[in-house]
């Protein structure tokens, strides 16, 4: 079931990422670095506000809606969300304080409300393990962002209008999911229940909000110290890395987090630890080779995807960011499961505080001394600090397993693959697109062979089982 859910989520995110890459390809050619920088700064600000709007309800949905053994939580969720939206004027003031102009701040607040509603809707559907429905909404959002953004680029290429078009895209995706997620919901303004929810959700909300702040600190630091144009160039590279590399991890985590909650509730600690041991091996076996391989071929990727004004800086920063993503994924998509299963919401806050403190300090120092490239090194340092802190905290919460022997095999396989691709790249003198195809194929073949050799994620048994099922099904069809 884990593999099936993860496969559907991965398919959705691959298609969404491909559309996202197409968006970057178009937008970095049709928008100036400054206008694209305004758009990306607005997106970053909206992501922070949207996390604050929905963070209160994440654990309620995961624990109450996923188990499906109690009262319907959707009424409380939607009423609480509407109350949170009343903070929009404060969000607008904050947007102005961090450097957004009037129009961009207004559009970013509208976008944050749309993103929050979309994320709540997806969480409700995801908690019920309805991966196909999640995939449909994800693709609608991606197509709408691309289509509406292209219209804006042709009509009036400004960052403000691009932000508004993205807000409309999120609302269209919510409309697609509305019947599945919200049908029959009755908003109930239960004061006592909402106060209790606010108290229990405060640590997680603060930690998630601070984590979102830490993820955008570097772009605002660059905008204020260097300029919006450089921020646009840097974030274009950053988002290209994150869109490509985060999707496999998020696909896997979207399946195993709800399953972990269900297994823990029904079968206990030993069963969920066995499940998580399998999950972390699968997570790293997907994430590590993807990140290392991307780091090696990032210069070719930048030349293909990004506009001419964005390429030079991207080639310098993307390898660093790709390595940072490994630590970010292990922290957020695995170690945080320890805090969820133990109910230690305050640990989210402690972990996030360590990340944001490291990011702010490192960003200010390194951007001041080394310019925009320093922001990439600051992000790597902050993610390493966050991983280390989360690892220590997990020992005092629910002790998630770390099968070091199995994980070491994955690291060896990933490093051998990366070195092989790098050696081939030095002797390859072809166009960027051809180079990417050749290098990616070589890396995939090398890593697949090493996976079979080390039996990573028990691939031998799973392939044999899958082949046997296919053969039996084929026989039944012929019969």
Protein backbone atom coordinates (compact mmCIF):
# COMPACT_ATOMS: atom_id res chain seq x y z
CA UNK A 1 0.00 0.00 0.00
CA UNK A 2 2.87 2.36 0.83
CA UNK A 3 4.44 1.85 -2.59
CA UNK A 4 1.09 2.30 -4.36
CA UNK A 5 0.23 5.54 -2.56
CA UNK A 6 3.75 6.89 -3.01
CA UNK A 7 3.69 5.99 -6.72
CA UNK A 8 0.48 7.91 -7.34
CA UNK A 9 1.75 10.90 -5.38
CA UNK A 10 5.06 10.75 -7.21
CA UNK A 11 3.32 10.64 -10.59
CA UNK A 12 1.25 13.69 -9.70
CA UNK A 13 4.26 15.60 -8.45
CA UNK A 14 6.38 14.64 -11.46
CA UNK A 15 3.73 15.99 -13.82
CA UNK A 16 3.28 19.06 -11.64
CA UNK A 17 7.04 19.63 -11.52
CA UNK A 18 7.32 19.31 -15.29
CA UNK A 19 4.64 21.97 -15.66
CA UNK A 20 6.48 24.03 -13.03
CA UNK A 21 9.70 23.73 -15.00
CA UNK A 22 7.84 24.84 -18.11
CA UNK A 23 6.56 27.82 -16.12
CA UNK A 24 10.11 28.74 -15.10
CA UNK A 25 11.26 28.27 -18.69
CA UNK A 26 8.60 30.71 -19.90
CA UNK A 27 8.59 33.20 -17.05
CA UNK A 28 12.38 33.70 -16.92
CA UNK A 29 12.27 34.61 -20.61
CA UNK A 30 9.15 36.81 -20.63
CA UNK A 31 9.64 38.61 -17.30
CA UNK A 32 12.58 40.81 -16.31
CA UNK A 33 14.67 39.67 -13.32
CA UNK A 34 13.17 42.53 -11.29
CA UNK A 35 9.51 41.67 -12.05
CA UNK A 36 10.16 37.99 -11.59
CA UNK A 37 11.93 38.85 -8.34
CA UNK A 38 8.85 40.77 -7.13
CA UNK A 39 6.72 37.74 -7.98
CA UNK A 40 9.03 35.33 -6.14
CA UNK A 41 9.26 37.61 -3.11
CA UNK A 42 5.45 37.74 -3.05
CA UNK A 43 5.26 33.95 -3.35
CA UNK A 44 7.68 33.59 -0.45
CA UNK A 45 5.72 35.97 1.74
CA UNK A 46 2.42 34.28 0.82
CA UNK A 47 3.85 30.87 1.73
CA UNK A 48 4.68 32.12 5.22
CA UNK A 49 1.23 33.63 5.80
CA UNK A 50 -0.56 30.56 4.42
CA UNK A 51 1.36 28.30 6.80
CA UNK A 52 0.17 30.45 9.69
CA UNK A 53 -3.41 30.24 8.43
CA UNK A 54 -3.50 26.43 8.20
CA UNK A 55 -0.87 25.24 10.69
CA UNK A 56 -3.43 25.10 13.51
CA UNK A 57 -5.34 22.31 11.77
CA UNK A 58 -2.59 20.02 10.44
CA UNK A 59 -2.39 17.66 13.42
CA UNK A 60 -6.17 17.68 13.84
CA UNK A 61 -6.61 16.52 10.25
CA UNK A 62 -3.81 13.95 10.44
CA UNK A 63 -4.93 12.49 13.76
CA UNK A 64 -8.73 12.91 13.64
CA UNK A 65 -9.58 12.79 9.94
CA UNK A 66 -7.07 10.06 9.05
CA UNK A 67 -8.27 7.63 11.72
CA UNK A 68 -11.93 8.32 10.89
CA UNK A 69 -13.01 7.09 14.32
CA UNK A 70 -14.62 10.20 15.76
CA UNK A 71 -16.73 13.23 14.93
CA UNK A 72 -16.31 15.09 11.65
CA UNK A 73 -13.54 17.66 12.16
CA UNK A 74 -14.16 19.60 8.96
CA UNK A 75 -16.66 22.02 10.48
CA UNK A 76 -14.18 23.05 13.12
CA UNK A 77 -11.41 23.30 10.52
CA UNK A 78 -13.28 25.60 8.13
CA UNK A 79 -14.65 27.84 10.89
CA UNK A 80 -11.20 28.17 12.44
CA UNK A 81 -9.69 28.95 9.05
CA UNK A 82 -12.21 31.73 8.41
CA UNK A 83 -11.31 33.27 11.77
CA UNK A 84 -7.61 33.09 10.90
CA UNK A 85 -8.30 34.91 7.62
CA UNK A 86 -9.35 37.96 9.66
CA UNK A 87 -5.64 38.57 10.21
CA UNK A 88 -5.26 39.57 6.53
CA UNK A 89 -4.88 43.33 7.27
CA UNK A 90 -2.01 42.54 9.67
CA UNK A 91 -0.42 40.38 6.98
CA UNK A 92 -0.63 43.28 4.53
CA UNK A 93 1.20 45.57 6.97
CA UNK A 94 3.88 42.93 7.46
CA UNK A 95 4.28 42.64 3.70
CA UNK A 96 4.94 46.35 3.47
CA UNK A 97 7.43 46.16 6.35
CA UNK A 98 9.53 43.44 4.67
CA UNK A 99 9.86 45.51 1.50
CA UNK A 100 6.95 44.58 -0.79
CA UNK A 101 5.30 47.50 -2.55
CA UNK A 102 1.60 48.23 -2.07
CA UNK A 103 0.31 46.18 -4.99
CA UNK A 104 2.63 43.23 -4.37
CA UNK A 105 1.75 43.12 -0.66
CA UNK A 106 -1.98 43.11 -1.43
CA UNK A 107 -1.63 40.40 -4.08
CA UNK A 108 0.57 38.30 -1.78
CA UNK A 109 -2.09 38.36 0.97
CA UNK A 110 -4.78 37.26 -1.49
CA UNK A 111 -2.48 34.49 -2.69
CA UNK A 112 -1.78 33.35 0.87
CA UNK A 113 -5.50 32.91 1.56
CA UNK A 114 -5.89 30.89 -1.64
CA UNK A 115 -2.86 28.70 -0.86
CA UNK A 116 -4.12 28.08 2.67
CA UNK A 117 -7.53 26.91 1.46
CA UNK A 118 -5.90 24.69 -1.15
CA UNK A 119 -3.54 23.09 1.40
CA UNK A 120 -6.38 22.42 3.84
CA UNK A 121 -8.41 20.81 1.08
CA UNK A 122 -5.50 18.64 0.01
CA UNK A 123 -4.78 17.63 3.61
CA UNK A 124 -8.36 16.46 4.11
CA UNK A 125 -8.24 14.32 0.98
CA UNK A 126 -4.70 13.10 1.64
CA UNK A 127 -5.59 12.01 5.17
CA UNK A 128 -8.11 9.60 3.67
CA UNK A 129 -5.38 8.23 1.37
CA UNK A 130 -7.31 9.38 -1.74
CA UNK A 131 -4.16 9.82 -3.78
CA UNK A 132 -5.90 10.02 -7.16
CA UNK A 133 -8.03 12.95 -6.02
CA UNK A 134 -4.94 14.70 -4.67
CA UNK A 135 -3.24 14.15 -8.01
CA UNK A 136 -6.14 15.71 -9.92
CA UNK A 137 -6.10 18.92 -7.87
CA UNK A 138 -2.30 19.13 -8.03
CA UNK A 139 -2.35 18.98 -11.81
CA UNK A 140 -5.19 21.50 -12.12
CA UNK A 141 -3.21 23.95 -10.00
CA UNK A 142 -0.03 23.47 -12.04
CA UNK A 143 -1.79 23.85 -15.38
CA UNK A 144 -3.68 26.93 -14.20
CA UNK A 145 -0.54 28.61 -12.83
CA UNK A 146 1.20 28.07 -16.16
CA UNK A 147 -1.73 29.06 -18.36
CA UNK A 148 -2.80 32.14 -16.44
CA UNK A 149 0.82 33.22 -15.96
CA UNK A 150 1.46 32.97 -19.71
CA UNK A 151 -1.57 35.19 -20.35
CA UNK A 152 -0.24 37.77 -17.89
CA UNK A 153 3.20 37.63 -19.53
CA UNK A 154 1.69 38.39 -22.92
CA UNK A 155 -0.72 41.08 -21.71
CA UNK A 156 1.27 42.94 -19.04
CA UNK A 157 4.39 41.22 -17.64
CA UNK A 158 4.35 42.50 -14.07
CA UNK A 159 5.01 40.67 -10.81
CA UNK A 160 1.79 42.00 -9.25
CA UNK A 161 -0.47 40.50 -11.92
CA UNK A 162 1.47 37.25 -11.89
CA UNK A 163 0.78 36.94 -8.16
CA UNK A 164 -2.95 37.49 -8.70
CA UNK A 165 -3.05 34.93 -11.52
CA UNK A 166 -1.43 32.36 -9.20
CA UNK A 167 -4.08 33.05 -6.55
CA UNK A 168 -6.79 32.36 -9.11
CA UNK A 169 -5.04 29.12 -10.09
CA UNK A 170 -5.12 27.86 -6.49
CA UNK A 171 -8.80 28.71 -6.16
CA UNK A 172 -9.59 26.77 -9.34
CA UNK A 173 -7.80 23.73 -7.87
CA UNK A 174 -9.86 24.06 -4.67
CA UNK A 175 -13.03 24.12 -6.75
CA UNK A 176 -12.06 20.79 -8.32
CA UNK A 177 -11.65 19.20 -4.87
CA UNK A 178 -14.55 20.89 -3.12
CA UNK A 179 -17.07 18.02 -3.42
CA UNK A 180 -14.59 15.36 -2.33
CA UNK A 181 -13.18 17.29 0.62
CA UNK A 182 -15.96 19.58 1.84
CA UNK A 183 -19.32 18.09 0.82
CA UNK A 184 -21.66 18.00 3.80
CA UNK A 185 -19.45 20.23 5.94
CA UNK A 186 -21.23 22.52 8.37
CA UNK A 187 -19.18 25.35 9.81
CA UNK A 188 -19.55 25.40 13.59
CA UNK A 189 -18.15 28.30 15.58
CA UNK A 190 -17.57 26.23 18.68
CA UNK A 191 -15.72 28.69 20.89
CA UNK A 192 -14.56 26.16 23.45
CA UNK A 193 -13.39 23.70 20.82
CA UNK A 194 -11.60 26.38 18.82
CA UNK A 195 -9.81 27.69 21.90
CA UNK A 196 -8.68 24.16 22.76
CA UNK A 197 -7.57 23.66 19.17
CA UNK A 198 -5.64 26.94 19.27
CA UNK A 199 -3.85 25.92 22.47
CA UNK A 200 -2.82 22.51 21.15
CA UNK A 201 -1.97 23.81 17.70
CA UNK A 202 0.04 26.85 18.80
CA UNK A 203 3.46 25.15 19.06
CA UNK A 204 3.11 23.44 15.67
CA UNK A 205 1.75 26.60 14.03
CA UNK A 206 4.56 28.73 15.37
CA UNK A 207 7.19 26.19 14.38
CA UNK A 208 5.79 25.73 10.87
CA UNK A 209 5.48 29.49 10.43
CA UNK A 210 9.03 30.02 11.63
CA UNK A 211 10.19 27.22 9.34
CA UNK A 212 8.49 28.95 6.42
CA UNK A 213 10.17 32.21 7.46
CA UNK A 214 13.54 30.48 7.55
CA UNK A 215 12.96 29.16 4.04
CA UNK A 216 12.47 32.68 2.64
CA UNK A 217 14.93 34.60 4.83
CA UNK A 218 17.68 34.40 2.24
CA UNK A 219 15.58 35.84 -0.60
CA UNK A 220 14.51 38.87 1.46
CA UNK A 221 18.07 39.28 2.74
CA UNK A 222 19.31 39.40 -0.86
CA UNK A 223 16.51 41.78 -1.88
CA UNK A 224 17.42 44.23 0.88
CA UNK A 225 21.22 43.91 0.67
CA UNK A 226 21.68 43.43 -3.09
CA UNK A 227 18.38 44.08 -4.87
CA UNK A 228 15.15 42.48 -6.12
CA UNK A 229 16.73 41.51 -9.44
CA UNK A 230 19.41 39.39 -7.76
CA UNK A 231 16.75 37.93 -5.48
CA UNK A 232 14.82 36.91 -8.59
CA UNK A 233 17.88 35.21 -10.10
CA UNK A 234 18.68 33.39 -6.86
CA UNK A 235 15.14 32.22 -6.14
CA UNK A 236 14.67 31.07 -9.74
CA UNK A 237 17.60 28.71 -9.19
CA UNK A 238 16.41 27.77 -5.71
CA UNK A 239 12.88 26.96 -6.86
CA UNK A 240 14.20 24.99 -9.82
CA UNK A 241 16.15 22.77 -7.42
CA UNK A 242 13.32 22.47 -4.91
CA UNK A 243 10.61 21.77 -7.50
CA UNK A 244 12.70 19.01 -8.98
CA UNK A 245 14.06 17.39 -5.83
CA UNK A 246 11.36 17.84 -3.20
CA UNK A 247 8.65 16.04 -5.17
CA UNK A 248 9.92 12.46 -4.63
CA UNK A 249 10.25 13.01 -0.88
CA UNK A 250 6.90 14.74 -0.55
CA UNK A 251 5.26 11.95 -2.55
CA UNK A 252 6.62 9.29 -0.23
CA UNK A 253 5.92 11.28 2.95
CA UNK A 254 2.37 12.06 1.85
CA UNK A 255 1.77 8.32 1.88
CA UNK A 256 3.69 7.16 4.95
CA UNK A 257 2.77 9.94 7.40
CA UNK A 258 -0.99 9.12 7.44
CA UNK A 259 -0.18 5.41 7.34
CA UNK A 260 2.16 5.82 10.32
CA UNK A 261 -0.64 7.46 12.31
CA UNK A 262 -3.05 4.65 11.45
CA UNK A 263 -0.53 1.89 12.24
CA UNK A 264 0.44 3.53 15.51
CA UNK A 265 -3.20 3.81 16.57
CA UNK A 266 -4.14 0.26 15.63
CA UNK A 267 -0.98 -1.83 16.07
CA UNK A 268 1.31 0.03 18.47
CA UNK A 269 4.91 1.19 18.69
CA UNK A 270 6.70 -1.88 17.34
CA UNK A 271 4.61 -1.99 14.18
CA UNK A 272 5.02 1.70 13.42
CA UNK A 273 8.79 1.52 13.99
CA UNK A 274 9.01 -1.31 11.47
CA UNK A 275 6.97 0.79 9.05
CA UNK A 276 9.16 3.86 9.59
CA UNK A 277 12.36 1.87 9.13
CA UNK A 278 11.10 0.87 5.71
CA UNK A 279 10.02 4.46 5.03
CA UNK A 280 13.34 6.14 5.81
CA UNK A 281 15.22 3.68 3.63
CA UNK A 282 12.83 4.29 0.76
CA UNK A 283 12.99 8.06 1.36
CA UNK A 284 16.78 8.29 1.29
CA UNK A 285 17.11 5.82 -1.60
CA UNK A 286 14.99 8.18 -3.72
CA UNK A 287 16.25 11.50 -2.39
CA UNK A 288 20.02 11.11 -2.15
CA UNK A 289 20.77 10.00 -5.74
CA UNK A 290 18.34 12.59 -7.11
CA UNK A 291 20.06 15.41 -5.18
CA UNK A 292 23.61 14.32 -5.93
CA UNK A 293 22.86 13.70 -9.59
CA UNK A 294 21.18 17.08 -9.92
CA UNK A 295 24.16 18.80 -8.29
CA UNK A 296 26.51 17.27 -10.86
CA UNK A 297 24.47 18.26 -13.95
CA UNK A 298 23.04 21.53 -12.60
CA UNK A 299 24.95 23.78 -15.03
CA UNK A 300 23.38 21.96 -18.00
CA UNK A 301 19.93 22.16 -16.38
CA UNK A 302 20.30 25.91 -15.84
CA UNK A 303 21.24 26.47 -19.48
CA UNK A 304 18.18 24.55 -20.64
CA UNK A 305 15.50 25.82 -18.27
CA UNK A 306 16.43 29.36 -17.25
CA UNK A 307 16.59 32.52 -19.30
CA UNK A 308 20.01 33.98 -20.23
CA UNK A 309 19.95 36.55 -17.40
CA UNK A 310 19.50 33.83 -14.76
CA UNK A 311 22.01 31.17 -15.79
CA UNK A 312 25.38 32.28 -14.43
CA UNK A 313 24.24 32.64 -10.83
CA UNK A 314 22.19 29.43 -11.02
CA UNK A 315 25.25 27.41 -12.08
CA UNK A 316 27.06 28.59 -8.94
CA UNK A 317 24.25 28.10 -6.42
CA UNK A 318 22.28 25.05 -7.53
CA UNK A 319 24.85 22.37 -6.56
CA UNK A 320 25.02 23.80 -3.03
CA UNK A 321 21.24 23.98 -2.69
CA UNK A 322 20.83 20.43 -4.01
CA UNK A 323 23.00 19.07 -1.19
CA UNK A 324 21.08 21.17 1.34
CA UNK A 325 17.82 19.58 0.17
CA UNK A 326 18.99 16.17 1.44
CA UNK A 327 19.17 17.45 5.02
CA UNK A 328 15.92 19.39 4.67
CA UNK A 329 14.04 16.33 3.46
CA UNK A 330 15.35 14.05 6.20
CA UNK A 331 14.37 16.64 8.80
CA UNK A 332 10.90 17.61 7.61
CA UNK A 333 9.75 14.42 5.89
CA UNK A 334 11.09 11.90 8.40
CA UNK A 335 12.43 13.14 11.75
CA UNK A 336 9.37 15.34 12.27
CA UNK A 337 7.31 12.14 12.34
CA UNK A 338 8.84 11.60 15.79
CA UNK A 339 7.23 14.79 17.07
CA UNK A 340 3.87 13.95 15.49
CA UNK A 341 3.68 10.44 16.93
CA UNK A 342 4.79 11.53 20.40
CA UNK A 343 2.55 14.59 20.50
CA UNK A 344 5.57 16.76 21.39
CA UNK A 345 4.47 19.79 19.40
CA UNK A 346 6.89 22.04 21.28
CA UNK A 347 9.76 20.15 19.62
CA UNK A 348 8.66 21.52 16.24
CA UNK A 349 9.14 24.98 17.71
CA UNK A 350 12.58 24.22 19.16
CA UNK A 351 13.79 22.63 15.93
CA UNK A 352 12.46 25.45 13.79
CA UNK A 353 13.97 28.10 16.06
CA UNK A 354 17.39 26.52 15.55
CA UNK A 355 16.93 26.58 11.76
CA UNK A 356 15.73 30.17 11.56
CA UNK A 357 18.45 31.42 13.91
CA UNK A 358 21.14 29.70 11.85
CA UNK A 359 19.62 30.93 8.59
CA UNK A 360 19.31 34.56 9.68
CA UNK A 361 22.85 34.73 11.10
CA UNK A 362 24.51 32.84 8.25
CA UNK A 363 22.55 34.69 5.54
CA UNK A 364 23.44 38.11 6.89
CA UNK A 365 27.14 37.27 7.30
CA UNK A 366 27.63 35.33 4.08
CA UNK A 367 25.50 37.52 1.80
CA UNK A 368 27.29 40.61 3.13
CA UNK A 369 30.71 39.12 2.39
CA UNK A 370 30.12 36.87 -0.64
CA UNK A 371 27.02 38.29 -2.29
CA UNK A 372 24.19 36.14 -3.55
CA UNK A 373 26.24 32.91 -3.61
CA UNK A 374 26.66 33.28 0.14
CA UNK A 375 22.92 32.76 0.55
CA UNK A 376 23.24 29.23 -0.87
CA UNK A 377 25.98 28.36 1.62
CA UNK A 378 23.87 29.85 4.41
CA UNK A 379 20.96 27.62 3.42
CA UNK A 380 23.17 24.53 3.50
CA UNK A 381 24.51 25.44 6.92
CA UNK A 382 21.03 26.12 8.32
CA UNK A 383 19.68 22.80 7.02
CA UNK A 384 22.59 20.89 8.56
CA UNK A 385 21.92 22.61 11.89
CA UNK A 386 18.21 21.82 11.62
CA UNK A 387 18.87 18.15 10.87
CA UNK A 388 21.26 17.80 13.79
CA UNK A 389 18.82 19.48 16.19
CA UNK A 390 15.88 17.33 15.02
CA UNK A 391 17.95 14.17 15.38
CA UNK A 392 18.78 15.01 19.00
CA UNK A 393 15.18 15.97 19.81
CA UNK A 394 13.81 12.75 18.27
CA UNK A 395 15.70 10.80 20.92
CA UNK A 396 13.50 12.47 23.55
CA UNK A 397 10.24 12.02 21.62
CA UNK A 398 9.12 8.93 19.69
CA UNK A 399 12.38 7.16 18.85
CA UNK A 400 12.13 6.76 15.10
CA UNK A 401 14.45 4.06 13.76
CA UNK A 402 17.64 4.85 11.82
CA UNK A 403 18.91 1.64 10.18
CA UNK A 404 22.47 2.90 9.76
CA UNK A 405 23.71 -0.14 7.87
CA UNK A 406 21.01 0.11 5.21
CA UNK A 407 21.37 3.90 4.98
CA UNK A 408 25.15 3.62 4.61
CA UNK A 409 24.66 1.38 1.58
CA UNK A 410 22.45 4.03 0.01
CA UNK A 411 25.10 6.70 0.63
CA UNK A 412 27.78 4.55 -0.98
CA UNK A 413 25.59 3.86 -4.00
CA UNK A 414 24.68 7.54 -4.36
CA UNK A 415 28.30 8.73 -4.14
CA UNK A 416 29.53 6.13 -6.65
CA UNK A 417 26.77 7.18 -9.03
CA UNK A 418 27.62 10.90 -8.64
CA UNK A 419 31.34 10.31 -9.22
CA UNK A 420 30.58 8.24 -12.30
CA UNK A 421 28.37 10.95 -13.77
CA UNK A 422 30.90 13.69 -12.96
CA UNK A 423 33.72 11.74 -14.65
CA UNK A 424 31.57 11.22 -17.74
CA UNK A 425 30.57 14.90 -17.80
CA UNK A 426 34.20 16.04 -17.94
CA UNK A 427 34.72 14.06 -21.14
CA UNK A 428 31.37 14.85 -22.73
CA UNK A 429 31.30 17.69 -25.27
CA UNK A 430 27.75 17.92 -26.56
CA UNK A 431 24.79 20.28 -26.30
CA UNK A 432 23.23 20.79 -22.88
CA UNK A 433 20.03 18.87 -23.64
CA UNK A 434 21.96 15.91 -25.00
CA UNK A 435 24.34 16.05 -22.06
CA UNK A 436 21.45 15.95 -19.58
CA UNK A 437 19.90 12.96 -21.34
CA UNK A 438 23.19 11.04 -21.49
CA UNK A 439 24.28 11.86 -17.94
CA UNK A 440 20.88 11.19 -16.39
CA UNK A 441 20.65 7.84 -18.19
CA UNK A 442 24.15 6.89 -17.09
CA UNK A 443 23.38 7.86 -13.51
CA UNK A 444 20.10 5.94 -13.51
CA UNK A 445 21.69 2.79 -14.91
CA UNK A 446 24.60 2.99 -12.46
CA UNK A 447 22.37 3.55 -9.45
CA UNK A 448 19.90 0.85 -10.50
CA UNK A 449 22.75 -1.66 -10.74
CA UNK A 450 24.00 -0.66 -7.28
CA UNK A 451 20.48 -0.91 -5.87
CA UNK A 452 20.26 -4.46 -7.13
CA UNK A 453 23.74 -5.28 -5.82
CA UNK A 454 23.01 -3.91 -2.31
CA UNK A 455 19.31 -4.86 -2.39
CA UNK A 456 18.42 -1.26 -1.46
CA UNK A 457 14.82 -0.88 -0.25
CA UNK A 458 14.52 -4.65 -0.79
CA UNK A 459 14.26 -4.02 -4.50
CA UNK A 460 14.95 -7.61 -5.51
CA UNK A 461 12.00 -9.04 -3.65
CA UNK A 462 9.70 -6.22 -4.69
CA UNK A 463 10.60 -6.58 -8.36
CA UNK A 464 10.08 -10.34 -8.21
CA UNK A 465 6.72 -9.87 -6.50
CA UNK A 466 5.70 -7.24 -9.01
CA UNK A 467 6.73 -9.42 -11.93
CA UNK A 468 4.83 -12.39 -10.49
CA UNK A 469 1.69 -10.27 -10.07
CA UNK A 470 2.00 -8.94 -13.62
CA UNK A 471 2.48 -12.45 -15.00
CA UNK A 472 -0.54 -13.75 -13.07
CA UNK A 473 -2.70 -10.86 -14.23
CA UNK A 474 -1.55 -11.32 -17.82
CA UNK A 475 -2.37 -15.02 -17.58
CA UNK A 476 -5.85 -14.24 -16.27
CA UNK A 477 -6.48 -11.83 -19.13
CA UNK A 478 -5.40 -14.42 -21.70
CA UNK A 479 -7.47 -17.05 -19.91
